[in-house]
Amino acid sequence: MRTWTRPYADPTRWFTGAVASAGTMVCLFVGLQIVTHWERIAPIQVLPVAVFFSVWLTIAWRLHRTALVVSPAGVRVRWLWATRTVPWERVGGFRTGPDRLVADRLWIALSDGTELRTPVRPRRPGPVTLRDGGTALAAGPYADLLATLDRWRAAAPPVAPPA
């Protein structure tokens, strides 16, 4: 089993984990109340509660897991609705460039010429910053991340050509 690691410190990870954990506890408490009072509750009354908690917990935990993670096998980008894994041999490099929602974002340049959007971006000074579910890193940690990603890519084992 491969171990995926986050190559940067995420300052919001504790908060999102606390929110997701608190939501899980509330869901367990409500579920326990429903089970202990089952004879007084119609099944149709349980359905909206179950749907709400299913959606809420899925979003809370996926948001908590939104990240850029690496392993010897490659780089993995986790967003709220999708996860994409790219082997190191397909990674051409990393760059910072503009995005739709934020001024700058970390992009993975792939060997086929396409780019993959990541949830990591450099923090920009200003009174209002847009939150897109990703991580904003200060200049120093962002530069360290870029250097770390380049080291991971350089350390990836070469792939033998097909016979």
N, C-alpha and C. Protein backbone atom coordinates (compact mmCIF):
# COMPACT_ATOMS: atom_id res chain seq x y z
N MET A 1 0.84 -1.18 0.00
CA MET A 1 0.00 0.00 0.00
C MET A 1 0.89 1.24 0.00
N ARG A 2 0.57 2.18 -0.88
CA ARG A 2 1.35 3.41 -0.97
C ARG A 2 0.85 4.40 0.08
N THR A 3 1.81 5.13 0.64
CA THR A 3 1.47 6.17 1.60
C THR A 3 1.53 7.52 0.90
N TRP A 4 0.44 8.23 0.93
CA TRP A 4 0.37 9.56 0.34
C TRP A 4 0.59 10.57 1.44
N THR A 5 1.40 11.57 1.17
CA THR A 5 1.71 12.56 2.19
C THR A 5 1.50 13.96 1.62
N ARG A 6 1.09 14.84 2.48
CA ARG A 6 0.90 16.24 2.11
C ARG A 6 2.25 16.94 2.29
N PRO A 7 2.85 17.47 1.21
CA PRO A 7 4.21 18.03 1.33
C PRO A 7 4.25 19.47 1.84
N TYR A 8 3.23 19.90 2.54
CA TYR A 8 3.17 21.26 3.07
C TYR A 8 2.28 21.24 4.31
N ALA A 9 2.45 22.23 5.15
CA ALA A 9 1.60 22.37 6.34
C ALA A 9 0.37 23.17 5.97
N ASP A 10 -0.78 22.62 6.23
CA ASP A 10 -2.04 23.29 5.89
C ASP A 10 -2.60 23.93 7.16
N PRO A 11 -2.60 25.27 7.22
CA PRO A 11 -3.07 25.94 8.45
C PRO A 11 -4.56 25.77 8.71
N THR A 12 -5.35 25.40 7.72
CA THR A 12 -6.80 25.25 7.93
C THR A 12 -7.21 23.82 8.22
N ARG A 13 -6.27 22.89 8.18
CA ARG A 13 -6.61 21.47 8.34
C ARG A 13 -7.24 21.17 9.71
N TRP A 14 -6.75 21.81 10.75
CA TRP A 14 -7.33 21.58 12.08
C TRP A 14 -8.77 22.05 12.13
N PHE A 15 -9.06 23.18 11.53
CA PHE A 15 -10.42 23.72 11.54
C PHE A 15 -11.38 22.81 10.77
N THR A 16 -11.00 22.44 9.54
CA THR A 16 -11.89 21.60 8.74
C THR A 16 -12.09 20.23 9.38
N GLY A 17 -11.03 19.72 10.03
CA GLY A 17 -11.16 18.45 10.74
C GLY A 17 -12.09 18.56 11.94
N ALA A 18 -12.01 19.68 12.65
CA ALA A 18 -12.90 19.89 13.79
C ALA A 18 -14.35 20.00 13.35
N VAL A 19 -14.59 20.71 12.26
CA VAL A 19 -15.96 20.86 11.74
C VAL A 19 -16.51 19.50 11.30
N ALA A 20 -15.70 18.74 10.56
CA ALA A 20 -16.15 17.43 10.09
C ALA A 20 -16.37 16.48 11.27
N SER A 21 -15.50 16.52 12.26
CA SER A 21 -15.66 15.66 13.44
C SER A 21 -16.89 16.04 14.25
N ALA A 22 -17.11 17.34 14.44
CA ALA A 22 -18.30 17.79 15.17
C ALA A 22 -19.57 17.36 14.44
N GLY A 23 -19.57 17.49 13.13
CA GLY A 23 -20.73 17.05 12.35
C GLY A 23 -20.97 15.57 12.47
N THR A 24 -19.90 14.79 12.52
CA THR A 24 -20.03 13.34 12.70
C THR A 24 -20.63 13.03 14.06
N MET A 25 -20.20 13.74 15.10
CA MET A 25 -20.74 13.53 16.45
C MET A 25 -22.23 13.89 16.51
N VAL A 26 -22.60 15.00 15.89
CA VAL A 26 -24.01 15.39 15.87
C VAL A 26 -24.83 14.33 15.14
N CYS A 27 -24.31 13.85 14.02
CA CYS A 27 -25.00 12.81 13.26
C CYS A 27 -25.18 11.55 14.10
N LEU A 28 -24.14 11.15 14.81
CA LEU A 28 -24.25 9.97 15.68
C LEU A 28 -25.27 10.19 16.80
N PHE A 29 -25.27 11.39 17.37
CA PHE A 29 -26.24 11.69 18.43
C PHE A 29 -27.67 11.63 17.90
N VAL A 30 -27.91 12.27 16.76
CA VAL A 30 -29.25 12.25 16.17
C VAL A 30 -29.64 10.83 15.79
N GLY A 31 -28.70 10.07 15.24
CA GLY A 31 -28.98 8.67 14.89
C GLY A 31 -29.34 7.85 16.11
N LEU A 32 -28.64 8.08 17.21
CA LEU A 32 -28.95 7.38 18.45
C LEU A 32 -30.34 7.75 18.96
N GLN A 33 -30.69 9.03 18.86
CA GLN A 33 -32.03 9.47 19.29
C GLN A 33 -33.12 8.82 18.43
N ILE A 34 -32.86 8.73 17.13
CA ILE A 34 -33.84 8.10 16.24
C ILE A 34 -34.01 6.62 16.58
N VAL A 35 -32.90 5.94 16.83
CA VAL A 35 -32.96 4.51 17.15
C VAL A 35 -33.67 4.27 18.47
N THR A 36 -33.40 5.10 19.48
CA THR A 36 -34.02 4.87 20.79
C THR A 36 -35.49 5.29 20.83
N HIS A 37 -35.93 6.12 19.91
CA HIS A 37 -37.33 6.55 19.87
C HIS A 37 -38.02 6.10 18.59
N TRP A 38 -37.60 4.99 18.05
CA TRP A 38 -38.08 4.53 16.76
C TRP A 38 -39.59 4.34 16.71
N GLU A 39 -40.18 3.87 17.79
CA GLU A 39 -41.63 3.59 17.76
C GLU A 39 -42.47 4.86 17.65
N ARG A 40 -41.91 6.03 17.98
CA ARG A 40 -42.65 7.29 17.89
C ARG A 40 -42.34 8.08 16.62
N ILE A 41 -41.43 7.58 15.79
CA ILE A 41 -41.00 8.31 14.60
C ILE A 41 -41.39 7.53 13.36
N ALA A 42 -42.06 8.20 12.45
CA ALA A 42 -42.42 7.57 11.18
C ALA A 42 -41.18 7.51 10.28
N PRO A 43 -41.04 6.43 9.52
CA PRO A 43 -39.87 6.32 8.64
C PRO A 43 -39.73 7.50 7.66
N ILE A 44 -40.82 8.08 7.24
CA ILE A 44 -40.75 9.21 6.31
C ILE A 44 -40.12 10.44 6.98
N GLN A 45 -40.20 10.52 8.30
CA GLN A 45 -39.57 11.63 9.02
C GLN A 45 -38.06 11.46 9.10
N VAL A 46 -37.59 10.25 9.01
CA VAL A 46 -36.16 9.97 9.10
C VAL A 46 -35.45 10.29 7.78
N LEU A 47 -36.15 10.16 6.68
CA LEU A 47 -35.54 10.33 5.37
C LEU A 47 -34.87 11.70 5.16
N PRO A 48 -35.54 12.82 5.44
CA PRO A 48 -34.86 14.10 5.24
C PRO A 48 -33.63 14.28 6.14
N VAL A 49 -33.70 13.76 7.35
CA VAL A 49 -32.56 13.86 8.27
C VAL A 49 -31.40 13.04 7.72
N ALA A 50 -31.68 11.83 7.25
CA ALA A 50 -30.63 10.97 6.71
C ALA A 50 -30.01 11.59 5.45
N VAL A 51 -30.84 12.15 4.60
CA VAL A 51 -30.31 12.79 3.38
C VAL A 51 -29.45 13.99 3.75
N PHE A 52 -29.92 14.83 4.65
CA PHE A 52 -29.15 16.01 5.06
C PHE A 52 -27.79 15.62 5.61
N PHE A 53 -27.78 14.67 6.56
CA PHE A 53 -26.51 14.28 7.17
C PHE A 53 -25.59 13.57 6.18
N SER A 54 -26.14 12.80 5.27
CA SER A 54 -25.31 12.14 4.26
C SER A 54 -24.61 13.17 3.39
N VAL A 55 -25.34 14.15 2.92
CA VAL A 55 -24.75 15.19 2.06
C VAL A 55 -23.77 16.04 2.86
N TRP A 56 -24.18 16.47 4.05
CA TRP A 56 -23.33 17.35 4.84
C TRP A 56 -22.02 16.67 5.21
N LEU A 57 -22.09 15.42 5.68
CA LEU A 57 -20.87 14.72 6.08
C LEU A 57 -19.96 14.43 4.88
N THR A 58 -20.55 14.09 3.76
CA THR A 58 -19.75 13.85 2.56
C THR A 58 -18.98 15.12 2.17
N ILE A 59 -19.66 16.24 2.14
CA ILE A 59 -19.01 17.50 1.78
C ILE A 59 -17.97 17.91 2.83
N ALA A 60 -18.31 17.79 4.10
CA ALA A 60 -17.37 18.19 5.15
C ALA A 60 -16.09 17.36 5.12
N TRP A 61 -16.21 16.05 4.98
CA TRP A 61 -15.01 15.22 4.97
C TRP A 61 -14.24 15.35 3.68
N ARG A 62 -14.92 15.51 2.54
CA ARG A 62 -14.20 15.72 1.28
C ARG A 62 -13.46 17.07 1.29
N LEU A 63 -14.10 18.09 1.85
CA LEU A 63 -13.44 19.39 1.96
C LEU A 63 -12.20 19.28 2.86
N HIS A 64 -12.32 18.51 3.92
CA HIS A 64 -11.18 18.29 4.82
C HIS A 64 -10.04 17.58 4.10
N ARG A 65 -10.37 16.69 3.18
CA ARG A 65 -9.34 15.93 2.47
C ARG A 65 -8.83 16.63 1.20
N THR A 66 -9.39 17.78 0.85
CA THR A 66 -8.92 18.53 -0.32
C THR A 66 -7.46 18.89 -0.12
N ALA A 67 -6.61 18.44 -1.07
CA ALA A 67 -5.18 18.64 -0.88
C ALA A 67 -4.41 18.24 -2.13
N LEU A 68 -3.14 18.55 -2.09
CA LEU A 68 -2.16 18.05 -3.05
C LEU A 68 -1.29 17.10 -2.25
N VAL A 69 -1.25 15.82 -2.63
CA VAL A 69 -0.47 14.84 -1.89
C VAL A 69 0.47 14.12 -2.86
N VAL A 70 1.57 13.61 -2.31
CA VAL A 70 2.57 12.95 -3.14
C VAL A 70 2.96 11.61 -2.54
N SER A 71 3.49 10.75 -3.40
CA SER A 71 4.06 9.47 -2.99
C SER A 71 5.10 9.10 -4.04
N PRO A 72 5.87 8.05 -3.82
CA PRO A 72 6.82 7.64 -4.86
C PRO A 72 6.14 7.31 -6.19
N ALA A 73 4.87 7.00 -6.16
CA ALA A 73 4.14 6.65 -7.38
C ALA A 73 3.73 7.86 -8.21
N GLY A 74 3.55 9.01 -7.57
CA GLY A 74 3.11 10.18 -8.33
C GLY A 74 2.54 11.25 -7.44
N VAL A 75 1.76 12.10 -8.05
CA VAL A 75 1.13 13.21 -7.35
C VAL A 75 -0.38 13.06 -7.48
N ARG A 76 -1.08 13.35 -6.41
CA ARG A 76 -2.54 13.21 -6.38
C ARG A 76 -3.15 14.55 -5.99
N VAL A 77 -4.15 14.95 -6.76
CA VAL A 77 -4.87 16.20 -6.50
C VAL A 77 -6.28 15.83 -6.06
N ARG A 78 -6.61 16.21 -4.83
CA ARG A 78 -7.95 15.94 -4.29
C ARG A 78 -8.73 17.25 -4.21
N TRP A 79 -9.86 17.27 -4.87
CA TRP A 79 -10.79 18.39 -4.78
C TRP A 79 -12.06 17.88 -4.12
N LEU A 80 -13.01 18.77 -3.93
CA LEU A 80 -14.27 18.40 -3.28
C LEU A 80 -14.97 17.28 -4.04
N TRP A 81 -15.06 17.38 -5.37
CA TRP A 81 -15.85 16.42 -6.15
C TRP A 81 -15.02 15.42 -6.93
N ALA A 82 -13.70 15.57 -6.99
CA ALA A 82 -12.90 14.67 -7.82
C ALA A 82 -11.50 14.51 -7.26
N THR A 83 -10.90 13.38 -7.56
CA THR A 83 -9.51 13.11 -7.22
C THR A 83 -8.83 12.61 -8.48
N ARG A 84 -7.64 13.14 -8.74
CA ARG A 84 -6.89 12.71 -9.92
C ARG A 84 -5.47 12.39 -9.50
N THR A 85 -4.99 11.24 -9.94
CA THR A 85 -3.63 10.79 -9.64
C THR A 85 -2.83 10.78 -10.94
N VAL A 86 -1.64 11.37 -10.88
CA VAL A 86 -0.76 11.43 -12.05
C VAL A 86 0.57 10.80 -11.69
N PRO A 87 1.04 9.80 -12.45
CA PRO A 87 2.36 9.23 -12.17
C PRO A 87 3.46 10.26 -12.46
N TRP A 88 4.57 10.14 -11.76
CA TRP A 88 5.64 11.12 -11.90
C TRP A 88 6.15 11.22 -13.33
N GLU A 89 6.14 10.14 -14.08
CA GLU A 89 6.66 10.20 -15.45
C GLU A 89 5.80 11.07 -16.37
N ARG A 90 4.57 11.35 -15.96
CA ARG A 90 3.70 12.24 -16.76
C ARG A 90 3.76 13.69 -16.29
N VAL A 91 4.49 13.95 -15.19
CA VAL A 91 4.60 15.31 -14.65
C VAL A 91 5.78 16.00 -15.34
N GLY A 92 5.48 17.10 -16.02
CA GLY A 92 6.53 17.87 -16.69
C GLY A 92 7.13 18.94 -15.80
N GLY A 93 6.38 19.40 -14.83
CA GLY A 93 6.85 20.44 -13.94
C GLY A 93 5.70 21.09 -13.19
N PHE A 94 6.05 22.14 -12.45
CA PHE A 94 5.06 22.86 -11.65
C PHE A 94 5.22 24.34 -11.94
N ARG A 95 4.12 25.06 -11.98
CA ARG A 95 4.19 26.49 -12.22
C ARG A 95 3.08 27.19 -11.46
N THR A 96 3.25 28.47 -11.25
CA THR A 96 2.23 29.32 -10.64
C THR A 96 1.63 30.17 -11.74
N GLY A 97 0.31 30.16 -11.82
CA GLY A 97 -0.35 30.93 -12.87
C GLY A 97 -1.74 31.33 -12.46
N PRO A 98 -2.37 32.19 -13.25
CA PRO A 98 -3.72 32.67 -12.92
C PRO A 98 -4.76 31.56 -13.02
N ASP A 99 -5.85 31.77 -12.29
CA ASP A 99 -6.97 30.84 -12.29
C ASP A 99 -8.26 31.64 -12.32
N ARG A 100 -9.37 30.95 -12.48
CA ARG A 100 -10.67 31.61 -12.56
C ARG A 100 -11.05 32.34 -11.27
N LEU A 101 -10.82 31.70 -10.14
CA LEU A 101 -11.31 32.24 -8.88
C LEU A 101 -10.29 33.04 -8.09
N VAL A 102 -9.03 32.73 -8.27
CA VAL A 102 -7.97 33.40 -7.51
C VAL A 102 -6.90 33.92 -8.47
N ALA A 103 -6.12 34.89 -8.00
CA ALA A 103 -5.11 35.51 -8.87
C ALA A 103 -4.05 34.52 -9.31
N ASP A 104 -3.56 33.69 -8.40
CA ASP A 104 -2.53 32.71 -8.71
C ASP A 104 -2.87 31.37 -8.09
N ARG A 105 -2.39 30.32 -8.73
CA ARG A 105 -2.62 28.96 -8.26
C ARG A 105 -1.44 28.11 -8.71
N LEU A 106 -1.18 27.03 -7.99
CA LEU A 106 -0.16 26.07 -8.39
C LEU A 106 -0.77 25.14 -9.44
N TRP A 107 -0.10 25.02 -10.57
CA TRP A 107 -0.53 24.16 -11.66
C TRP A 107 0.52 23.08 -11.88
N ILE A 108 0.06 21.88 -12.24
CA ILE A 108 0.97 20.81 -12.63
C ILE A 108 0.97 20.75 -14.15
N ALA A 109 2.15 20.96 -14.74
CA ALA A 109 2.29 20.86 -16.20
C ALA A 109 2.55 19.39 -16.53
N LEU A 110 1.68 18.81 -17.35
CA LEU A 110 1.81 17.40 -17.70
C LEU A 110 2.61 17.25 -18.99
N SER A 111 3.17 16.08 -19.19
CA SER A 111 4.04 15.85 -20.35
C SER A 111 3.29 15.92 -21.68
N ASP A 112 1.97 15.78 -21.66
CA ASP A 112 1.21 15.87 -22.92
C ASP A 112 0.81 17.31 -23.26
N GLY A 113 1.28 18.27 -22.47
CA GLY A 113 1.01 19.67 -22.76
C GLY A 113 -0.18 20.25 -22.00
N THR A 114 -0.95 19.42 -21.33
CA THR A 114 -2.07 19.92 -20.55
C THR A 114 -1.60 20.30 -19.15
N GLU A 115 -2.48 20.95 -18.42
CA GLU A 115 -2.16 21.35 -17.05
C GLU A 115 -3.26 20.88 -16.11
N LEU A 116 -2.87 20.61 -14.90
CA LEU A 116 -3.79 20.15 -13.86
C LEU A 116 -3.82 21.18 -12.74
N ARG A 117 -5.01 21.65 -12.44
CA ARG A 117 -5.24 22.64 -11.39
C ARG A 117 -5.11 21.97 -10.03
N THR A 118 -4.43 22.62 -9.09
CA THR A 118 -4.29 22.07 -7.75
C THR A 118 -5.00 22.98 -6.74
N PRO A 119 -5.28 22.48 -5.54
CA PRO A 119 -5.93 23.31 -4.53
C PRO A 119 -4.97 24.18 -3.72
N VAL A 120 -3.73 24.31 -4.16
CA VAL A 120 -2.74 25.09 -3.43
C VAL A 120 -2.48 26.39 -4.19
N ARG A 121 -2.37 27.48 -3.43
CA ARG A 121 -2.09 28.77 -4.06
C ARG A 121 -1.27 29.62 -3.11
N PRO A 122 -0.50 30.56 -3.68
CA PRO A 122 0.23 31.47 -2.79
C PRO A 122 -0.73 32.48 -2.17
N ARG A 123 -0.48 32.83 -0.93
CA ARG A 123 -1.32 33.81 -0.24
C ARG A 123 -0.96 35.20 -0.76
N ARG A 124 -1.96 35.98 -1.08
CA ARG A 124 -1.76 37.35 -1.55
C ARG A 124 -2.29 38.31 -0.50
N PRO A 125 -1.55 39.40 -0.25
CA PRO A 125 -2.04 40.38 0.73
C PRO A 125 -3.27 41.09 0.20
N GLY A 126 -4.14 41.46 1.09
CA GLY A 126 -5.34 42.19 0.70
C GLY A 126 -6.41 42.05 1.74
N PRO A 127 -7.38 42.95 1.74
CA PRO A 127 -8.42 42.91 2.76
C PRO A 127 -9.40 41.76 2.57
N VAL A 128 -9.64 41.36 1.33
CA VAL A 128 -10.60 40.30 1.06
C VAL A 128 -9.93 39.25 0.18
N THR A 129 -9.97 38.01 0.61
CA THR A 129 -9.45 36.93 -0.22
C THR A 129 -10.54 35.90 -0.41
N LEU A 130 -10.64 35.38 -1.60
CA LEU A 130 -11.65 34.39 -1.93
C LEU A 130 -11.20 33.02 -1.46
N ARG A 131 -12.08 32.28 -0.82
CA ARG A 131 -11.78 30.92 -0.39
C ARG A 131 -12.40 29.96 -1.39
N ASP A 132 -11.59 29.07 -1.90
CA ASP A 132 -12.08 28.10 -2.88
C ASP A 132 -11.93 26.67 -2.41
N GLY A 133 -11.73 26.48 -1.12
CA GLY A 133 -11.58 25.13 -0.59
C GLY A 133 -10.15 24.64 -0.58
N GLY A 134 -9.24 25.44 -1.13
CA GLY A 134 -7.84 25.05 -1.18
C GLY A 134 -7.04 25.67 -0.05
N THR A 135 -5.72 25.53 -0.16
CA THR A 135 -4.81 26.03 0.85
C THR A 135 -4.04 27.22 0.32
N ALA A 136 -4.02 28.30 1.08
CA ALA A 136 -3.22 29.48 0.74
C ALA A 136 -1.97 29.46 1.60
N LEU A 137 -0.82 29.44 0.95
CA LEU A 137 0.45 29.38 1.66
C LEU A 137 1.19 30.71 1.54
N ALA A 138 1.85 31.11 2.62
CA ALA A 138 2.69 32.32 2.60
C ALA A 138 3.85 32.09 1.64
N ALA A 139 4.56 33.16 1.30
CA ALA A 139 5.61 33.09 0.28
C ALA A 139 6.69 32.06 0.62
N GLY A 140 7.16 32.03 1.85
CA GLY A 140 8.21 31.08 2.23
C GLY A 140 7.78 29.63 2.11
N PRO A 141 6.68 29.25 2.76
CA PRO A 141 6.20 27.87 2.63
C PRO A 141 5.83 27.49 1.19
N TYR A 142 5.35 28.46 0.41
CA TYR A 142 5.01 28.17 -0.98
C TYR A 142 6.28 27.86 -1.79
N ALA A 143 7.34 28.63 -1.58
CA ALA A 143 8.62 28.37 -2.26
C ALA A 143 9.18 27.01 -1.81
N ASP A 144 9.05 26.70 -0.53
CA ASP A 144 9.50 25.40 -0.02
C ASP A 144 8.71 24.26 -0.68
N LEU A 145 7.42 24.45 -0.86
CA LEU A 145 6.59 23.44 -1.51
C LEU A 145 7.06 23.19 -2.94
N LEU A 146 7.30 24.25 -3.69
CA LEU A 146 7.78 24.09 -5.06
C LEU A 146 9.09 23.31 -5.10
N ALA A 147 10.02 23.64 -4.19
CA ALA A 147 11.29 22.92 -4.13
C ALA A 147 11.08 21.45 -3.75
N THR A 148 10.19 21.20 -2.81
CA THR A 148 9.89 19.82 -2.39
C THR A 148 9.29 19.02 -3.53
N LEU A 149 8.36 19.62 -4.26
CA LEU A 149 7.74 18.92 -5.40
C LEU A 149 8.78 18.59 -6.47
N ASP A 150 9.70 19.51 -6.73
CA ASP A 150 10.76 19.25 -7.70
C ASP A 150 11.67 18.11 -7.23
N ARG A 151 11.95 18.05 -5.92
CA ARG A 151 12.76 16.95 -5.38
C ARG A 151 12.04 15.61 -5.54
N TRP A 152 10.74 15.59 -5.24
CA TRP A 152 9.96 14.36 -5.41
C TRP A 152 9.99 13.90 -6.86
N ARG A 153 9.82 14.85 -7.77
CA ARG A 153 9.80 14.51 -9.20
C ARG A 153 11.16 13.99 -9.65
N ALA A 154 12.24 14.60 -9.19
CA ALA A 154 13.59 14.17 -9.55
C ALA A 154 13.91 12.79 -8.98
N ALA A 155 13.34 12.47 -7.82
CA ALA A 155 13.63 11.19 -7.16
C ALA A 155 12.78 10.04 -7.68
N ALA A 156 11.82 10.33 -8.54
CA ALA A 156 10.94 9.28 -9.06
C ALA A 156 11.75 8.31 -9.90
N PRO A 157 11.51 7.01 -9.74
CA PRO A 157 12.27 6.03 -10.52
C PRO A 157 11.91 6.14 -12.01
N PRO A 158 12.89 5.98 -12.88
CA PRO A 158 12.59 6.05 -14.31
C PRO A 158 11.72 4.88 -14.74
N VAL A 159 10.94 5.12 -15.75
CA VAL A 159 10.04 4.08 -16.27
C VAL A 159 10.70 3.44 -17.48
N ALA A 160 10.75 2.12 -17.49
CA ALA A 160 11.35 1.41 -18.61
C ALA A 160 10.43 1.54 -19.83
N PRO A 161 11.01 1.76 -21.02
CA PRO A 161 10.16 1.84 -22.21
C PRO A 161 9.53 0.48 -22.51
N PRO A 162 8.35 0.51 -23.13
CA PRO A 162 7.69 -0.77 -23.44
C PRO A 162 8.53 -1.60 -24.42
N ALA A 163 8.50 -2.89 -24.23
CA ALA A 163 9.31 -3.79 -25.08
C ALA A 163 8.64 -4.09 -26.39
